[in-house]
Amino acid sequence: MPEPDYVYRSRLDSPSPYEQALADALFQILGRVPHELPAITEALRATAVKPPDGGAWTVETVRAELARLGAGPSAGAPHAVRY
């Protein structure tokens, strides 16, 4: 049976202070609320972390921000190493 083809993303730089604050908030949130976008969004609103536009978190802004951050700094193909 062939080995599965795993793809690992890697970053070439450290997370920004905003990215680190968002990650810290999400780790705390995911430890205490259901893993559903509405619950995560509601919990994010109670943190000091705001979306890039400075407004309030909505399901749409959470979804868009996670997609943006997941796309990487150049929004091109992620750096990938296949094992």
N, C-alpha and C. Protein backbone atom coordinates (compact mmCIF):
# COMPACT_ATOMS: atom_id res chain seq x y z
N MET A 1 0.84 -1.17 0.00
CA MET A 1 0.00 0.00 0.00
C MET A 1 0.90 1.24 0.00
N PRO A 2 0.63 2.21 -0.89
CA PRO A 2 1.49 3.40 -0.94
C PRO A 2 1.28 4.30 0.27
N GLU A 3 2.33 5.03 0.60
CA GLU A 3 2.26 6.00 1.70
C GLU A 3 1.36 7.16 1.30
N PRO A 4 0.59 7.72 2.25
CA PRO A 4 -0.22 8.90 1.92
C PRO A 4 0.69 10.09 1.62
N ASP A 5 0.21 11.01 0.82
CA ASP A 5 0.97 12.18 0.43
C ASP A 5 0.56 13.35 1.32
N TYR A 6 1.34 13.60 2.37
CA TYR A 6 1.02 14.67 3.31
C TYR A 6 1.64 15.98 2.84
N VAL A 7 0.91 17.06 3.00
CA VAL A 7 1.43 18.39 2.68
C VAL A 7 1.49 19.19 3.97
N TYR A 8 2.64 19.76 4.24
CA TYR A 8 2.83 20.58 5.43
C TYR A 8 3.13 21.99 5.00
N ARG A 9 2.41 22.94 5.58
CA ARG A 9 2.68 24.34 5.31
C ARG A 9 3.74 24.82 6.28
N SER A 10 4.54 25.74 5.82
CA SER A 10 5.52 26.35 6.71
C SER A 10 5.55 27.84 6.43
N ARG A 11 5.92 28.57 7.43
CA ARG A 11 6.03 30.02 7.30
C ARG A 11 7.49 30.38 7.26
N LEU A 12 7.79 31.41 6.52
CA LEU A 12 9.15 31.89 6.45
C LEU A 12 9.40 33.01 7.46
N ASP A 13 8.34 33.51 8.09
CA ASP A 13 8.48 34.59 9.05
C ASP A 13 7.61 34.30 10.27
N SER A 14 7.82 35.07 11.32
CA SER A 14 7.04 34.92 12.54
C SER A 14 5.67 35.57 12.36
N PRO A 15 4.68 35.11 13.11
CA PRO A 15 3.36 35.77 13.04
C PRO A 15 3.47 37.21 13.53
N SER A 16 2.63 38.07 12.97
CA SER A 16 2.57 39.46 13.43
C SER A 16 1.94 39.48 14.81
N PRO A 17 2.07 40.60 15.54
CA PRO A 17 1.40 40.68 16.84
C PRO A 17 -0.11 40.45 16.73
N TYR A 18 -0.74 40.97 15.67
CA TYR A 18 -2.18 40.73 15.45
C TYR A 18 -2.45 39.24 15.25
N GLU A 19 -1.67 38.58 14.39
CA GLU A 19 -1.87 37.15 14.13
C GLU A 19 -1.69 36.34 15.41
N GLN A 20 -0.69 36.70 16.21
CA GLN A 20 -0.44 35.98 17.46
C GLN A 20 -1.58 36.18 18.44
N ALA A 21 -2.09 37.42 18.54
CA ALA A 21 -3.20 37.70 19.44
C ALA A 21 -4.46 36.94 19.01
N LEU A 22 -4.72 36.92 17.70
CA LEU A 22 -5.87 36.18 17.19
C LEU A 22 -5.72 34.69 17.46
N ALA A 23 -4.53 34.15 17.22
CA ALA A 23 -4.29 32.72 17.48
C ALA A 23 -4.48 32.40 18.96
N ASP A 24 -3.94 33.24 19.84
CA ASP A 24 -4.10 33.02 21.28
C ASP A 24 -5.58 33.04 21.67
N ALA A 25 -6.31 34.01 21.14
CA ALA A 25 -7.74 34.10 21.45
C ALA A 25 -8.48 32.86 20.94
N LEU A 26 -8.17 32.44 19.73
CA LEU A 26 -8.86 31.27 19.17
C LEU A 26 -8.55 30.00 19.96
N PHE A 27 -7.29 29.83 20.39
CA PHE A 27 -6.96 28.65 21.20
C PHE A 27 -7.76 28.64 22.49
N GLN A 28 -7.88 29.80 23.15
CA GLN A 28 -8.67 29.87 24.38
C GLN A 28 -10.14 29.60 24.10
N ILE A 29 -10.65 30.19 23.05
CA ILE A 29 -12.06 30.03 22.69
C ILE A 29 -12.38 28.58 22.36
N LEU A 30 -11.53 27.94 21.56
CA LEU A 30 -11.80 26.57 21.14
C LEU A 30 -11.71 25.58 22.29
N GLY A 31 -11.12 25.99 23.39
CA GLY A 31 -11.06 25.15 24.57
C GLY A 31 -12.32 25.21 25.41
N ARG A 32 -13.25 26.14 25.06
CA ARG A 32 -14.42 26.30 25.93
C ARG A 32 -15.76 26.46 25.23
N VAL A 33 -15.78 26.64 23.92
CA VAL A 33 -17.06 26.80 23.22
C VAL A 33 -17.19 25.72 22.15
N PRO A 34 -18.41 25.46 21.71
CA PRO A 34 -18.59 24.51 20.60
C PRO A 34 -17.80 24.97 19.37
N HIS A 35 -17.30 24.03 18.63
CA HIS A 35 -16.51 24.34 17.44
C HIS A 35 -17.41 24.62 16.25
N GLU A 36 -18.24 25.63 16.42
CA GLU A 36 -19.15 26.08 15.36
C GLU A 36 -18.92 27.56 15.16
N LEU A 37 -18.94 28.02 13.92
CA LEU A 37 -18.60 29.40 13.60
C LEU A 37 -19.41 30.44 14.36
N PRO A 38 -20.73 30.29 14.54
CA PRO A 38 -21.46 31.29 15.32
C PRO A 38 -20.97 31.40 16.77
N ALA A 39 -20.68 30.29 17.40
CA ALA A 39 -20.19 30.30 18.79
C ALA A 39 -18.80 30.92 18.87
N ILE A 40 -17.94 30.58 17.92
CA ILE A 40 -16.59 31.15 17.88
C ILE A 40 -16.67 32.65 17.65
N THR A 41 -17.54 33.07 16.75
CA THR A 41 -17.71 34.50 16.45
C THR A 41 -18.17 35.26 17.69
N GLU A 42 -19.15 34.73 18.37
CA GLU A 42 -19.66 35.39 19.58
C GLU A 42 -18.56 35.52 20.62
N ALA A 43 -17.77 34.47 20.80
CA ALA A 43 -16.69 34.52 21.78
C ALA A 43 -15.59 35.50 21.35
N LEU A 44 -15.30 35.59 20.07
CA LEU A 44 -14.30 36.55 19.58
C LEU A 44 -14.72 37.99 19.88
N ARG A 45 -16.01 38.25 19.80
CA ARG A 45 -16.52 39.61 20.09
C ARG A 45 -16.20 40.03 21.52
N ALA A 46 -16.06 39.07 22.42
CA ALA A 46 -15.78 39.38 23.83
C ALA A 46 -14.29 39.56 24.11
N THR A 47 -13.44 39.43 23.09
CA THR A 47 -12.00 39.60 23.28
C THR A 47 -11.58 41.01 22.86
N ALA A 48 -10.33 41.32 23.15
CA ALA A 48 -9.76 42.62 22.73
C ALA A 48 -9.33 42.59 21.27
N VAL A 49 -9.33 41.41 20.65
CA VAL A 49 -8.89 41.29 19.25
C VAL A 49 -10.04 41.70 18.33
N LYS A 50 -9.76 42.61 17.44
CA LYS A 50 -10.75 43.11 16.49
C LYS A 50 -10.35 42.70 15.08
N PRO A 51 -11.32 42.59 14.18
CA PRO A 51 -10.97 42.29 12.78
C PRO A 51 -10.17 43.44 12.18
N PRO A 52 -9.50 43.20 11.07
CA PRO A 52 -8.65 44.25 10.47
C PRO A 52 -9.36 45.58 10.23
N ASP A 53 -10.66 45.56 9.96
CA ASP A 53 -11.36 46.82 9.71
C ASP A 53 -11.74 47.53 11.01
N GLY A 54 -11.45 46.92 12.16
CA GLY A 54 -11.72 47.53 13.45
C GLY A 54 -13.15 47.40 13.93
N GLY A 55 -14.02 46.82 13.13
CA GLY A 55 -15.42 46.66 13.51
C GLY A 55 -15.63 45.49 14.44
N ALA A 56 -16.82 44.97 14.42
CA ALA A 56 -17.16 43.81 15.24
C ALA A 56 -17.04 42.54 14.40
N TRP A 57 -16.68 41.45 15.05
CA TRP A 57 -16.62 40.17 14.36
C TRP A 57 -18.02 39.73 13.96
N THR A 58 -18.14 39.23 12.75
CA THR A 58 -19.36 38.58 12.28
C THR A 58 -18.93 37.23 11.73
N VAL A 59 -19.89 36.37 11.50
CA VAL A 59 -19.55 35.07 10.90
C VAL A 59 -18.79 35.30 9.59
N GLU A 60 -19.23 36.28 8.82
CA GLU A 60 -18.58 36.54 7.53
C GLU A 60 -17.16 37.06 7.70
N THR A 61 -16.93 37.96 8.70
CA THR A 61 -15.57 38.48 8.87
C THR A 61 -14.64 37.41 9.43
N VAL A 62 -15.13 36.54 10.30
CA VAL A 62 -14.30 35.44 10.80
C VAL A 62 -13.92 34.53 9.65
N ARG A 63 -14.90 34.13 8.86
CA ARG A 63 -14.64 33.25 7.72
C ARG A 63 -13.63 33.89 6.76
N ALA A 64 -13.83 35.17 6.43
CA ALA A 64 -12.94 35.86 5.50
C ALA A 64 -11.53 36.01 6.07
N GLU A 65 -11.42 36.32 7.35
CA GLU A 65 -10.10 36.52 7.95
C GLU A 65 -9.34 35.21 8.04
N LEU A 66 -10.00 34.13 8.39
CA LEU A 66 -9.33 32.83 8.44
C LEU A 66 -8.89 32.40 7.04
N ALA A 67 -9.71 32.67 6.04
CA ALA A 67 -9.33 32.35 4.66
C ALA A 67 -8.15 33.21 4.22
N ARG A 68 -8.16 34.49 4.57
CA ARG A 68 -7.06 35.39 4.20
C ARG A 68 -5.76 34.94 4.85
N LEU A 69 -5.81 34.66 6.13
CA LEU A 69 -4.61 34.24 6.84
C LEU A 69 -4.13 32.87 6.35
N GLY A 70 -5.06 32.00 6.02
CA GLY A 70 -4.69 30.68 5.52
C GLY A 70 -4.09 30.72 4.13
N ALA A 71 -4.37 31.79 3.39
CA ALA A 71 -3.83 31.91 2.03
C ALA A 71 -2.35 32.24 2.03
N GLY A 72 -1.83 32.74 3.13
CA GLY A 72 -0.42 33.08 3.21
C GLY A 72 -0.17 34.52 2.82
N PRO A 73 1.07 34.98 3.04
CA PRO A 73 1.38 36.39 2.83
C PRO A 73 1.26 36.86 1.40
N SER A 74 1.50 35.99 0.45
CA SER A 74 1.43 36.42 -0.95
C SER A 74 0.12 36.01 -1.60
N ALA A 75 -0.73 35.29 -0.87
CA ALA A 75 -2.00 34.76 -1.37
C ALA A 75 -1.81 33.87 -2.58
N GLY A 76 -0.60 33.42 -2.76
CA GLY A 76 -0.31 32.45 -3.83
C GLY A 76 -0.30 31.06 -3.22
N ALA A 77 0.32 30.17 -3.91
CA ALA A 77 0.41 28.80 -3.40
C ALA A 77 1.26 28.79 -2.13
N PRO A 78 0.83 28.05 -1.11
CA PRO A 78 1.63 28.00 0.13
C PRO A 78 2.92 27.24 -0.12
N HIS A 79 3.92 27.56 0.70
CA HIS A 79 5.14 26.77 0.65
C HIS A 79 4.76 25.40 1.17
N ALA A 80 5.06 24.37 0.45
CA ALA A 80 4.66 23.03 0.87
C ALA A 80 5.83 22.08 0.76
N VAL A 81 5.89 21.18 1.69
CA VAL A 81 6.86 20.11 1.66
C VAL A 81 6.07 18.83 1.66
N ARG A 82 6.30 17.99 0.70
CA ARG A 82 5.58 16.72 0.63
C ARG A 82 6.42 15.62 1.23
N TYR A 83 5.79 14.81 2.08
CA TYR A 83 6.46 13.67 2.71
C TYR A 83 5.84 12.40 2.22
